């Protein structure tokens, strides 16, 4: 940006600009653009890696969520079976007790 300001100052201040004076500025500007492009490319690759890792993390979280959900369902089913077993045992006990009388 500093180079662009210098170039603008030279161009606005003179009707003619010598190639000798202009070429180094243009070279610096081109170099600056190349550096910026390389930085953007590196940032793009970094963002791509982060997105990939985020996707993997989301996938793992989704699988874990399914596992937790399944675990909760199993616990509930186990509780229901225990309650039914208890009710059946109570009914069996009452049947035996009433039959003996």
C-alpha atoms as a PDB file:
ATOM      1  CA  UNK A   1       0.000   0.000   0.000  1.00  0.00           C
ATOM      2  CA  UNK A   2       2.884   2.327   0.746  1.00  0.00           C
ATOM      3  CA  UNK A   3       4.209   1.614  -2.748  1.00  0.00           C
ATOM      4  CA  UNK A   4       0.854   2.455  -4.306  1.00  0.00           C
ATOM      5  CA  UNK A   5       0.765   5.764  -2.444  1.00  0.00           C
ATOM      6  CA  UNK A   6       4.296   6.556  -3.640  1.00  0.00           C
ATOM      7  CA  UNK A   7       3.373   5.645  -7.211  1.00  0.00           C
ATOM      8  CA  UNK A   8       0.243   7.794  -7.054  1.00  0.00           C
ATOM      9  CA  UNK A   9       2.284  10.731  -5.684  1.00  0.00           C
ATOM     10  CA  UNK A  10       4.804  10.421  -8.499  1.00  0.00           C
ATOM     11  CA  UNK A  11       2.149  10.120 -11.194  1.00  0.00           C
ATOM     12  CA  UNK A  12       0.083  13.028  -9.879  1.00  0.00           C
ATOM     13  CA  UNK A  13       3.175  15.221  -9.345  1.00  0.00           C
ATOM     14  CA  UNK A  14       4.627  14.846 -12.816  1.00  0.00           C
ATOM     15  CA  UNK A  15       3.500  14.757 -16.367  1.00  0.00           C
ATOM     16  CA  UNK A  16       6.282  12.348 -17.258  1.00  0.00           C
ATOM     17  CA  UNK A  17       7.749   9.648 -15.082  1.00  0.00           C
ATOM     18  CA  UNK A  18      11.070   8.078 -15.893  1.00  0.00           C
ATOM     19  CA  UNK A  19      11.094   4.303 -16.362  1.00  0.00           C
ATOM     20  CA  UNK A  20      14.126   4.183 -14.118  1.00  0.00           C
ATOM     21  CA  UNK A  21      12.059   5.597 -11.237  1.00  0.00           C
ATOM     22  CA  UNK A  22       8.825   3.743 -12.005  1.00  0.00           C
ATOM     23  CA  UNK A  23      10.177   0.210 -12.555  1.00  0.00           C
ATOM     24  CA  UNK A  24      11.369  -0.425  -8.960  1.00  0.00           C
ATOM     25  CA  UNK A  25       8.000   0.714  -7.619  1.00  0.00           C
ATOM     26  CA  UNK A  26       6.114  -1.525 -10.025  1.00  0.00           C
ATOM     27  CA  UNK A  27       8.395  -4.439  -9.082  1.00  0.00           C
ATOM     28  CA  UNK A  28       7.720  -3.821  -5.384  1.00  0.00           C
ATOM     29  CA  UNK A  29       3.986  -3.661  -6.036  1.00  0.00           C
ATOM     30  CA  UNK A  30       4.078  -6.897  -8.012  1.00  0.00           C
ATOM     31  CA  UNK A  31       6.108  -8.557  -5.254  1.00  0.00           C
ATOM     32  CA  UNK A  32       3.606  -7.319  -2.689  1.00  0.00           C
ATOM     33  CA  UNK A  33       0.712  -8.760  -4.716  1.00  0.00           C
ATOM     34  CA  UNK A  34       2.519 -12.108  -4.981  1.00  0.00           C
ATOM     35  CA  UNK A  35       3.144 -12.172  -1.220  1.00  0.00           C
ATOM     36  CA  UNK A  36      -0.487 -11.314  -0.547  1.00  0.00           C
ATOM     37  CA  UNK A  37      -1.658 -14.028  -2.934  1.00  0.00           C
ATOM     38  CA  UNK A  38       0.573 -16.564  -1.177  1.00  0.00           C
ATOM     39  CA  UNK A  39      -0.793 -15.500   2.225  1.00  0.00           C
ATOM     40  CA  UNK A  40      -4.359 -15.852   0.950  1.00  0.00           C
ATOM     41  CA  UNK A  41      -3.545 -19.277  -0.481  1.00  0.00           C
ATOM     42  CA  UNK A  42      -2.050 -20.398   2.853  1.00  0.00           C
ATOM     43  CA  UNK A  43      -5.057 -19.043   4.752  1.00  0.00           C
ATOM     44  CA  UNK A  44      -7.377 -20.863   2.358  1.00  0.00           C
ATOM     45  CA  UNK A  45      -5.528 -24.137   2.990  1.00  0.00           C
ATOM     46  CA  UNK A  46      -5.638 -23.541   6.755  1.00  0.00           C
ATOM     47  CA  UNK A  47      -9.370 -22.836   6.621  1.00  0.00           C
ATOM     48  CA  UNK A  48      -9.881 -25.980   4.541  1.00  0.00           C
ATOM     49  CA  UNK A  49      -8.009 -28.051   7.164  1.00  0.00           C
ATOM     50  CA  UNK A  50      -9.998 -26.473   9.997  1.00  0.00           C
ATOM     51  CA  UNK A  51     -13.271 -27.158   8.167  1.00  0.00           C
ATOM     52  CA  UNK A  52     -12.214 -30.755   7.599  1.00  0.00           C
ATOM     53  CA  UNK A  53     -11.367 -31.193  11.292  1.00  0.00           C
ATOM     54  CA  UNK A  54     -14.649 -29.521  12.248  1.00  0.00           C
ATOM     55  CA  UNK A  55     -16.518 -31.915   9.957  1.00  0.00           C
ATOM     56  CA  UNK A  56     -14.786 -34.914  11.547  1.00  0.00           C
ATOM     57  CA  UNK A  57     -15.572 -33.563  15.028  1.00  0.00           C
ATOM     58  CA  UNK A  58     -19.229 -33.061  14.074  1.00  0.00           C
ATOM     59  CA  UNK A  59     -19.390 -36.587  12.711  1.00  0.00           C
ATOM     60  CA  UNK A  60     -17.903 -37.997  15.922  1.00  0.00           C
ATOM     61  CA  UNK A  61     -20.289 -35.899  18.007  1.00  0.00           C
ATOM     62  CA  UNK A  62     -23.239 -37.175  15.975  1.00  0.00           C
ATOM     63  CA  UNK A  63     -22.130 -40.790  16.465  1.00  0.00           C
ATOM     64  CA  UNK A  64     -21.637 -40.163  20.179  1.00  0.00           C
ATOM     65  CA  UNK A  65     -25.088 -38.594  20.356  1.00  0.00           C
ATOM     66  CA  UNK A  66     -26.596 -41.708  18.766  1.00  0.00           C
ATOM     67  CA  UNK A  67     -24.660 -43.865  21.229  1.00  0.00           C
ATOM     68  CA  UNK A  68     -25.882 -41.806  24.188  1.00  0.00           C
ATOM     69  CA  UNK A  69     -29.420 -41.888  22.855  1.00  0.00           C
ATOM     70  CA  UNK A  70     -29.211 -45.672  22.447  1.00  0.00           C
ATOM     71  CA  UNK A  71     -27.751 -46.006  25.947  1.00  0.00           C
ATOM     72  CA  UNK A  72     -30.617 -43.944  27.380  1.00  0.00           C
ATOM     73  CA  UNK A  73     -33.137 -46.100  25.505  1.00  0.00           C
ATOM     74  CA  UNK A  74     -31.485 -49.268  26.840  1.00  0.00           C
ATOM     75  CA  UNK A  75     -31.580 -47.931  30.384  1.00  0.00           C
ATOM     76  CA  UNK A  76     -35.267 -47.100  29.995  1.00  0.00           C
ATOM     77  CA  UNK A  77     -36.019 -50.529  28.517  1.00  0.00           C
ATOM     78  CA  UNK A  78     -34.104 -52.184  31.384  1.00  0.00           C
ATOM     79  CA  UNK A  79     -36.097 -50.185  33.937  1.00  0.00           C
ATOM     80  CA  UNK A  80     -39.354 -51.180  32.205  1.00  0.00           C
ATOM     81  CA  UNK A  81     -38.342 -54.861  32.168  1.00  0.00           C
ATOM     82  CA  UNK A  82     -37.413 -54.723  35.859  1.00  0.00           C
ATOM     83  CA  UNK A  83     -40.809 -53.169  36.654  1.00  0.00           C
ATOM     84  CA  UNK A  84     -42.642 -55.834  34.598  1.00  0.00           C
ATOM     85  CA  UNK A  85     -40.599 -58.585  36.248  1.00  0.00           C
ATOM     86  CA  UNK A  86     -41.427 -57.205  39.688  1.00  0.00           C
ATOM     87  CA  UNK A  87     -45.137 -57.004  38.784  1.00  0.00           C
ATOM     88  CA  UNK A  88     -45.084 -60.567  37.403  1.00  0.00           C
ATOM     89  CA  UNK A  89     -43.333 -61.894  40.526  1.00  0.00           C
ATOM     90  CA  UNK A  90     -45.865 -60.117  42.738  1.00  0.00           C
ATOM     91  CA  UNK A  91     -48.717 -61.571  40.699  1.00  0.00           C
ATOM     92  CA  UNK A  92     -47.168 -65.055  40.923  1.00  0.00           C
ATOM     93  CA  UNK A  93     -46.737 -64.693  44.675  1.00  0.00           C
ATOM     94  CA  UNK A  94     -50.363 -63.558  45.060  1.00  0.00           C
ATOM     95  CA  UNK A  95     -51.512 -66.476  42.881  1.00  0.00           C
ATOM     96  CA  UNK A  96     -49.616 -68.996  45.013  1.00  0.00           C
ATOM     97  CA  UNK A  97     -50.777 -67.352  48.229  1.00  0.00           C
ATOM     98  CA  UNK A  98     -54.443 -67.260  47.137  1.00  0.00           C
ATOM     99  CA  UNK A  99     -54.274 -70.860  45.870  1.00  0.00           C
ATOM    100  CA  UNK A 100     -52.929 -72.160  49.176  1.00  0.00           C
ATOM    101  CA  UNK A 101     -55.792 -70.652  51.210  1.00  0.00           C
END
